[in-house]
Amino acid sequence: MTRDGESREHAEGLVRSFLDERLGLANEPPGLRQAVVEALKDRVEEVRKRGSGQLSQLRSASSTRMPDAYLHDEVVLEDELQRGAAGLRTAQALEGGRMRDPVRFEQVLARRLAPSAQWAMREEASRVPRPPTRPEGLWWSLSPIPWVEDDSKWPPPGAVAETKQLAGTNDEPVRVVEEPYAGWVQLGLLERQATLASTYPDVPTRRLLIVAGLEAPGSNPSDGSLPLAAARPLAWIAPHNRLDPDLDSRDAHTALAAGGPLAAVVDYNLELGAPHRQRGVGLHPFALTPRFEVVVLLGLRPERPALRHVLVDDDGPALVGRVWRGFLVHDGNYDPLVPGVHGADLILRSDLYDKLKAALGKERFDLRFGATLREGPDEDLNDESDV
């Protein structure tokens, strides 16, 4: 294969790796993929050399983990994609193509090819220092997984159970203790601690997952199920009456009265502009969002501009999603540390919690919480299969 052919093949591979999903969501605009490849093929060697230099600076020689950084290859591909898309309507016109609504064409194309950092930037803007707020039965998890030479018994006997524990809250939910949200109610919590395996001494990889969530009584959750639902993150950026004009407060009341979790794990699979978790600015392993009916029933709306996981009402911030990560647990390597703790929670202003209880006629909500522990020599710290 000629050098030109190798460069083109490498450029096509980069486009497949980074842009396939976005080009597919945009219905493969005619000529755009080829335009990006053509613009990139003469820069392949520069991109490869610059990327290799960045990797050598940002990680040790023995590491294969992608660094937590926005690398040169991603920057170049994004530039060429947006440059090619900007000229797409003109190119189609020059080839004799006609379109009824060129403004609408460009609006749709721009939305589908939007830069892939927005969701990750909102998550990062919602990042806080690791908070201590959690159910009393999970206070032991505030201490990190002990280091390998530590002979203390961990986790405490009976603390870890595959089946989530059900505990009445005695009419008092978990309250936030840290400012500026002291007194707010925690609707949901998810945190993972992890350590890498060690060969000397011989210690397996350990992954601890703790979870807690308030649920409206009514449904009968299955054993081992998370006290959290799953939901798209759109409530953080769009008013509920635009997302679902047919859902009113009466319908939301009916749905919540039937029971179920009040918080949900964010699912980004259907979202435009959701970046790969292991590249560039990246997404956190998980984030939480309110159940949509909670937003409708309380009449909440996104703050403007929608830069964080925050919903507001006429009195100000009303419901907040927080995320955190850090190096609480040392991984035992001499390489740059991998964040050993990732967490997220969802908190609601106390007067709105009282309003929610009054609206549903609940004396209290049920609190379910628990912890699971996985061990093994080949566990991937970034694997999300345990959530």
Protein backbone atom coordinates (compact mmCIF):
# COMPACT_ATOMS: atom_id res chain seq x y z
CA MET A 1 0.00 0.00 0.00
CA THR A 2 1.29 3.47 -0.88
CA ARG A 3 1.98 6.10 1.77
CA ASP A 4 -1.04 8.06 0.51
CA GLY A 5 -3.18 4.93 0.84
CA GLU A 6 -1.93 4.31 4.38
CA SER A 7 -2.67 7.89 5.37
CA ARG A 8 -6.17 7.68 3.96
CA GLU A 9 -6.82 4.37 5.74
CA HIS A 10 -5.60 5.83 9.03
CA ALA A 11 -7.78 8.91 8.55
CA GLU A 12 -10.80 6.73 7.83
CA GLY A 13 -10.08 4.76 10.99
CA LEU A 14 -9.96 7.92 13.10
CA VAL A 15 -13.27 9.10 11.64
CA ARG A 16 -14.87 5.71 12.37
CA SER A 17 -13.57 5.73 15.95
CA PHE A 18 -14.63 9.24 16.88
CA LEU A 19 -17.37 10.38 14.50
CA ASP A 20 -19.33 7.29 13.42
CA GLU A 21 -22.14 7.76 15.93
CA ARG A 22 -22.60 11.47 15.29
CA LEU A 23 -22.51 11.07 11.51
CA GLY A 24 -25.06 8.27 11.85
CA LEU A 25 -27.35 10.41 14.00
CA ALA A 26 -27.12 13.09 11.30
CA ASN A 27 -28.17 10.48 8.68
CA GLU A 28 -24.73 10.51 7.03
CA PRO A 29 -24.86 13.92 5.28
CA PRO A 30 -23.72 13.33 1.69
CA GLY A 31 -20.02 13.98 1.26
CA LEU A 32 -19.31 15.02 4.84
CA ARG A 33 -17.44 11.88 5.90
CA GLN A 34 -15.34 11.99 2.74
CA ALA A 35 -14.61 15.70 3.27
CA VAL A 36 -13.30 15.04 6.78
CA VAL A 37 -11.14 12.15 5.57
CA GLU A 38 -9.70 14.25 2.74
CA ALA A 39 -8.88 17.12 5.08
CA LEU A 40 -7.34 14.78 7.62
CA LYS A 41 -5.27 12.43 5.46
CA ASP A 42 -2.47 14.93 4.87
CA ARG A 43 -2.20 15.58 8.61
CA VAL A 44 -2.15 11.99 9.81
CA GLU A 45 1.56 11.95 10.65
CA GLU A 46 1.31 15.23 12.56
CA VAL A 47 -1.73 13.98 14.51
CA ARG A 48 -0.03 10.68 15.32
CA LYS A 49 3.20 12.35 16.48
CA ARG A 50 1.42 14.98 18.56
CA GLY A 51 -0.89 12.39 20.13
CA SER A 52 2.02 10.10 20.98
CA GLY A 53 3.81 12.99 22.66
CA GLN A 54 0.79 13.86 24.73
CA LEU A 55 0.34 10.27 25.88
CA SER A 56 4.00 10.00 26.93
CA GLN A 57 3.66 13.19 28.97
CA LEU A 58 0.34 12.34 30.62
CA ARG A 59 0.86 8.71 31.61
CA SER A 60 3.68 6.39 32.56
CA ALA A 61 5.27 3.98 30.11
CA SER A 62 3.66 0.95 31.76
CA SER A 63 0.12 2.33 31.71
CA THR A 64 -2.46 1.66 28.98
CA ARG A 65 -5.20 3.80 30.49
CA MET A 66 -6.33 6.82 28.48
CA PRO A 67 -5.47 10.00 30.37
CA ASP A 68 -8.24 12.25 31.57
CA ALA A 69 -7.58 14.90 28.92
CA TYR A 70 -8.86 16.26 25.61
CA LEU A 71 -6.22 15.04 23.15
CA HIS A 72 -4.97 16.46 19.86
CA ASP A 73 -6.63 13.86 17.63
CA GLU A 74 -10.05 14.77 19.04
CA VAL A 75 -9.42 18.49 18.54
CA VAL A 76 -8.40 18.03 14.90
CA LEU A 77 -11.34 15.75 14.09
CA GLU A 78 -13.81 18.16 15.69
CA ASP A 79 -12.39 21.11 13.76
CA GLU A 80 -12.58 19.29 10.44
CA LEU A 81 -16.09 18.00 11.11
CA GLN A 82 -17.46 21.45 11.91
CA ARG A 83 -15.60 23.04 9.00
CA GLY A 84 -16.98 20.44 6.57
CA ALA A 85 -20.51 20.74 7.96
CA ALA A 86 -20.42 24.54 7.64
CA GLY A 87 -19.93 24.22 3.88
CA LEU A 88 -22.33 21.35 3.31
CA ARG A 89 -25.33 23.37 2.13
CA THR A 90 -23.16 25.36 -0.27
CA ALA A 91 -21.62 22.17 -1.65
CA GLN A 92 -25.05 20.64 -2.25
CA ALA A 93 -26.22 23.83 -4.00
CA LEU A 94 -23.17 23.79 -6.29
CA GLU A 95 -24.04 20.22 -7.28
CA GLY A 96 -27.55 21.28 -8.23
CA GLY A 97 -29.28 20.13 -5.07
CA ARG A 98 -32.31 22.08 -3.86
CA MET A 99 -33.86 22.23 -0.41
CA ARG A 100 -37.16 23.74 0.63
CA ASP A 101 -36.04 25.12 3.97
CA PRO A 102 -32.27 25.77 4.11
CA VAL A 103 -32.47 27.42 7.55
CA ARG A 104 -34.21 24.38 9.02
CA PHE A 105 -31.64 22.14 7.29
CA GLU A 106 -28.74 23.93 8.97
CA GLN A 107 -30.47 24.04 12.35
CA VAL A 108 -31.05 20.27 12.36
CA LEU A 109 -27.54 19.54 11.08
CA ALA A 110 -25.94 21.82 13.69
CA ARG A 111 -27.90 20.17 16.50
CA ARG A 112 -27.01 16.64 15.43
CA LEU A 113 -23.35 17.46 14.89
CA ALA A 114 -22.99 19.59 18.01
CA PRO A 115 -19.65 19.30 19.84
CA SER A 116 -19.69 16.30 22.13
CA ALA A 117 -18.73 17.97 25.40
CA GLN A 118 -21.94 19.58 26.65
CA TRP A 119 -23.20 16.78 28.89
CA ALA A 120 -19.74 16.20 30.33
CA MET A 121 -19.31 19.92 31.00
CA ARG A 122 -22.64 20.02 32.86
CA GLU A 123 -21.52 17.07 34.96
CA GLU A 124 -18.20 18.70 35.74
CA ALA A 125 -19.95 21.96 36.67
CA SER A 126 -22.02 19.89 39.13
CA ARG A 127 -18.94 18.34 40.75
CA VAL A 128 -18.42 18.90 44.48
CA PRO A 129 -16.01 17.68 47.19
CA ARG A 130 -17.06 14.26 48.41
CA PRO A 131 -20.01 14.85 50.77
CA PRO A 132 -20.55 12.77 53.94
CA THR A 133 -24.35 12.65 53.54
CA ARG A 134 -25.64 9.05 53.50
CA PRO A 135 -27.92 6.76 55.54
CA GLU A 136 -26.70 5.82 59.00
CA GLY A 137 -26.39 2.20 57.88
CA LEU A 138 -23.76 3.27 55.32
CA TRP A 139 -21.63 5.52 57.52
CA TRP A 140 -18.93 2.85 57.59
CA SER A 141 -18.35 3.51 53.86
CA LEU A 142 -17.06 7.02 54.59
CA SER A 143 -13.72 5.39 55.45
CA PRO A 144 -11.80 4.19 52.39
CA ILE A 145 -11.06 0.60 51.54
CA PRO A 146 -8.04 -0.17 53.78
CA TRP A 147 -4.62 -0.50 52.24
CA VAL A 148 -3.22 -4.00 51.74
CA GLU A 149 -1.02 -3.99 54.85
CA ASP A 150 -3.99 -3.00 57.02
CA ASP A 151 -5.18 -6.02 59.04
CA SER A 152 -8.48 -4.44 60.06
CA LYS A 153 -11.62 -6.31 59.06
CA TRP A 154 -13.27 -4.74 56.09
CA PRO A 155 -16.08 -4.39 55.27
CA PRO A 156 -17.82 -4.66 58.64
CA PRO A 157 -19.66 -7.97 59.20
CA GLY A 158 -23.15 -7.82 57.70
CA ALA A 159 -22.52 -4.51 55.93
CA VAL A 160 -22.47 -5.96 52.42
CA ALA A 161 -25.49 -7.75 51.03
CA GLU A 162 -26.56 -8.50 47.47
CA THR A 163 -30.17 -7.95 48.49
CA LYS A 164 -30.76 -4.32 49.26
CA GLN A 165 -31.89 -3.66 52.79
CA LEU A 166 -35.27 -2.09 53.44
CA ALA A 167 -35.40 0.32 56.37
CA GLY A 168 -38.16 2.61 57.60
CA THR A 169 -37.03 6.19 57.96
CA ASN A 170 -39.14 6.97 61.05
CA ASP A 171 -40.61 9.93 59.20
CA GLU A 172 -37.16 11.50 58.95
CA PRO A 173 -35.21 11.13 55.70
CA VAL A 174 -31.45 11.50 55.22
CA ARG A 175 -30.62 15.18 55.63
CA VAL A 176 -27.70 16.98 54.01
CA VAL A 177 -25.21 18.26 56.58
CA GLU A 178 -22.88 20.35 54.42
CA GLU A 179 -23.43 23.93 53.26
CA PRO A 180 -24.95 25.48 51.27
CA TYR A 181 -27.58 22.71 51.30
CA ALA A 182 -27.76 21.91 55.02
CA GLY A 183 -31.17 20.48 55.85
CA TRP A 184 -32.02 19.43 52.29
CA VAL A 185 -33.25 15.87 51.73
CA GLN A 186 -31.22 13.26 49.88
CA LEU A 187 -33.46 11.47 47.38
CA GLY A 188 -30.79 9.13 46.03
CA LEU A 189 -27.12 8.17 46.42
CA LEU A 190 -24.72 6.08 44.37
CA GLU A 191 -21.00 5.68 45.11
CA ARG A 192 -18.33 3.29 43.93
CA GLN A 193 -14.94 2.70 45.55
CA ALA A 194 -12.33 0.63 43.78
CA THR A 195 -8.73 -0.56 44.07
CA LEU A 196 -6.55 -2.27 41.50
CA ALA A 197 -5.11 -5.72 42.03
CA SER A 198 -1.70 -6.13 43.66
CA THR A 199 0.69 -9.03 43.02
CA TYR A 200 2.80 -8.39 46.08
CA PRO A 201 1.12 -8.90 48.40
CA ASP A 202 -1.45 -10.87 46.45
CA VAL A 203 -4.66 -8.83 46.66
CA PRO A 204 -7.50 -8.89 44.11
CA THR A 205 -9.21 -5.89 42.61
CA ARG A 206 -12.01 -4.72 44.90
CA ARG A 207 -15.08 -2.77 43.85
CA LEU A 208 -17.54 -1.57 46.47
CA LEU A 209 -20.85 -0.10 45.36
CA ILE A 210 -23.15 1.62 47.84
CA VAL A 211 -26.64 2.77 46.91
CA ALA A 212 -29.58 4.42 48.63
CA GLY A 213 -32.88 5.82 47.46
CA LEU A 214 -36.21 7.10 48.70
CA GLU A 215 -39.25 5.37 47.25
CA ALA A 216 -42.94 6.17 47.30
CA PRO A 217 -44.63 3.13 48.92
CA GLY A 218 -46.96 1.21 46.66
CA SER A 219 -44.87 -1.01 44.47
CA ASN A 220 -43.13 -4.19 45.62
CA PRO A 221 -39.47 -3.97 44.53
CA SER A 222 -37.78 -7.23 43.69
CA ASP A 223 -34.93 -8.49 45.85
CA GLY A 224 -31.58 -7.12 44.73
CA SER A 225 -33.06 -4.32 42.62
CA LEU A 226 -31.63 -0.83 42.93
CA PRO A 227 -33.78 1.73 44.74
CA LEU A 228 -33.22 3.96 41.69
CA ALA A 229 -34.95 4.14 38.33
CA ALA A 230 -33.27 4.93 34.97
CA ALA A 231 -34.03 8.09 33.01
CA ARG A 232 -32.74 10.42 30.34
CA PRO A 233 -31.17 13.67 31.60
CA LEU A 234 -33.36 16.08 29.64
CA ALA A 235 -35.11 17.50 32.73
CA TRP A 236 -31.86 19.34 33.52
CA ILE A 237 -32.00 21.37 30.30
CA ALA A 238 -35.63 21.66 29.14
CA PRO A 239 -38.94 22.61 30.83
CA HIS A 240 -41.11 19.60 31.57
CA ASN A 241 -44.07 21.01 29.64
CA ARG A 242 -41.92 21.10 26.52
CA LEU A 243 -40.60 17.59 27.01
CA ASP A 244 -44.07 16.14 27.59
CA PRO A 245 -46.91 18.68 27.08
CA ASP A 246 -49.53 16.01 27.82
CA LEU A 247 -48.27 15.18 31.31
CA ASP A 248 -49.86 17.44 33.92
CA SER A 249 -49.63 17.49 37.72
CA ARG A 250 -52.65 15.19 38.07
CA ASP A 251 -51.02 12.52 35.90
CA ALA A 252 -47.73 12.95 37.77
CA HIS A 253 -49.55 12.53 41.08
CA THR A 254 -51.18 9.31 39.88
CA ALA A 255 -47.86 7.87 38.71
CA LEU A 256 -46.02 8.72 41.92
CA ALA A 257 -48.86 7.45 44.10
CA ALA A 258 -48.40 4.05 42.44
CA GLY A 259 -44.96 3.87 44.07
CA GLY A 260 -41.38 3.62 42.92
CA PRO A 261 -38.07 5.48 43.32
CA LEU A 262 -37.89 9.27 43.36
CA ALA A 263 -34.40 9.39 41.81
CA ALA A 264 -32.98 7.79 38.68
CA VAL A 265 -29.58 6.94 37.21
CA VAL A 266 -28.93 9.01 34.09
CA ASP A 267 -28.93 7.09 30.82
CA TYR A 268 -27.06 8.94 28.06
CA ASN A 269 -27.48 6.28 25.36
CA LEU A 270 -30.09 8.25 23.39
CA GLU A 271 -28.60 11.70 23.89
CA LEU A 272 -27.00 13.84 21.22
CA GLY A 273 -23.63 15.21 22.25
CA ALA A 274 -22.82 12.53 24.84
CA PRO A 275 -19.06 11.85 24.63
CA HIS A 276 -17.31 8.56 25.15
CA ARG A 277 -16.70 8.03 28.87
CA GLN A 278 -13.07 7.10 28.38
CA ARG A 279 -12.00 9.89 26.02
CA GLY A 280 -11.60 13.65 26.14
CA VAL A 281 -13.52 15.48 28.78
CA GLY A 282 -15.47 12.25 29.28
CA LEU A 283 -18.57 11.50 31.29
CA HIS A 284 -18.56 10.52 34.94
CA PRO A 285 -19.36 6.82 35.48
CA PHE A 286 -22.84 7.81 36.65
CA ALA A 287 -25.02 10.78 37.56
CA LEU A 288 -28.52 11.01 39.04
CA THR A 289 -31.61 12.84 37.86
CA PRO A 290 -35.07 13.24 39.40
CA ARG A 291 -37.92 11.05 38.32
CA PHE A 292 -39.77 13.11 35.72
CA GLU A 293 -43.07 13.04 37.64
CA VAL A 294 -41.36 14.69 40.63
CA VAL A 295 -40.34 17.61 38.41
CA VAL A 296 -43.87 17.97 37.05
CA LEU A 297 -45.62 17.68 40.41
CA LEU A 298 -43.37 20.30 42.03
CA GLY A 299 -43.42 22.61 39.01
CA LEU A 300 -39.62 22.81 38.71
CA ARG A 301 -37.65 24.14 35.75
CA PRO A 302 -33.98 24.25 34.67
CA GLU A 303 -31.91 27.22 35.72
CA ARG A 304 -30.94 29.57 32.92
CA PRO A 305 -28.48 29.11 31.41
CA ALA A 306 -28.62 25.34 32.00
CA LEU A 307 -24.97 24.85 32.89
CA ARG A 308 -25.35 22.51 35.88
CA HIS A 309 -27.62 19.79 37.21
CA VAL A 310 -29.88 22.28 38.98
CA LEU A 311 -33.66 22.80 38.89
CA VAL A 312 -35.22 25.94 40.32
CA ASP A 313 -38.56 27.41 41.33
CA ASP A 314 -39.57 30.98 42.19
CA ASP A 315 -37.62 30.73 45.47
CA GLY A 316 -34.34 29.75 43.85
CA PRO A 317 -32.42 26.43 43.66
CA ALA A 318 -34.85 23.62 44.41
CA LEU A 319 -33.33 20.29 43.33
CA VAL A 320 -29.62 19.64 42.77
CA GLY A 321 -27.66 16.74 41.29
CA ARG A 322 -24.11 16.45 42.59
CA VAL A 323 -21.21 14.31 41.37
CA TRP A 324 -17.78 13.69 42.87
CA ARG A 325 -14.63 11.71 42.24
CA GLY A 326 -11.26 11.50 43.86
CA PHE A 327 -8.32 9.49 45.14
CA LEU A 328 -9.67 8.45 48.51
CA VAL A 329 -8.50 4.90 47.80
CA HIS A 330 -4.87 4.45 46.73
CA ASP A 331 -4.52 1.92 43.91
CA GLY A 332 -1.08 0.70 45.01
CA ASN A 333 0.75 1.66 41.80
CA TYR A 334 3.54 4.09 41.09
CA ASP A 335 1.68 5.24 37.96
CA PRO A 336 -0.54 8.35 38.06
CA LEU A 337 -3.47 7.60 40.33
CA VAL A 338 -6.77 6.43 38.90
CA PRO A 339 -9.72 8.07 40.68
CA GLY A 340 -10.72 5.40 43.20
CA VAL A 341 -14.01 6.96 44.26
CA HIS A 342 -16.87 8.07 42.02
CA GLY A 343 -20.20 9.17 43.43
CA ALA A 344 -23.43 11.03 42.76
CA ASP A 345 -26.47 12.06 44.73
CA LEU A 346 -29.71 13.99 44.28
CA ILE A 347 -30.93 16.45 46.91
CA LEU A 348 -34.23 18.33 47.32
CA ARG A 349 -34.98 21.50 49.29
CA SER A 350 -36.71 20.60 52.55
CA ASP A 351 -39.90 22.62 52.00
CA LEU A 352 -40.40 20.90 48.65
CA TYR A 353 -39.93 17.51 50.27
CA ASP A 354 -42.71 18.42 52.70
CA LYS A 355 -44.83 19.57 49.75
CA LEU A 356 -44.21 16.28 47.97
CA LYS A 357 -45.25 14.27 51.03
CA ALA A 358 -48.39 16.36 51.51
CA ALA A 359 -49.36 16.04 47.85
CA LEU A 360 -49.05 12.25 47.92
CA GLY A 361 -50.58 11.85 51.37
CA LYS A 362 -47.54 9.90 52.59
CA GLU A 363 -46.54 9.76 56.23
CA ARG A 364 -43.08 8.91 55.01
CA PHE A 365 -41.19 7.51 52.06
CA ASP A 366 -39.38 4.21 52.29
CA LEU A 367 -35.59 4.31 52.31
CA ARG A 368 -33.82 1.36 50.71
CA PHE A 369 -30.05 1.10 50.88
CA GLY A 370 -27.33 -1.47 50.59
CA ALA A 371 -23.85 -2.34 49.42
CA THR A 372 -22.27 -4.91 47.12
CA LEU A 373 -18.65 -5.99 46.87
CA ARG A 374 -16.97 -7.55 43.83
CA GLU A 375 -13.46 -8.97 43.79
CA GLY A 376 -11.32 -10.42 41.05
CA PRO A 377 -7.93 -10.14 39.36
CA ASP A 378 -9.21 -8.66 36.09
CA GLU A 379 -11.90 -6.21 37.19
CA ASP A 380 -12.12 -3.05 35.09
CA LEU A 381 -12.46 0.02 37.29
CA ASN A 382 -14.42 1.78 34.55
CA ASP A 383 -16.86 -1.08 33.94
CA GLU A 384 -20.44 0.02 34.62
CA SER A 385 -22.02 -3.43 34.72
CA ASP A 386 -22.53 -3.19 38.48
CA VAL A 387 -24.84 -0.16 38.15
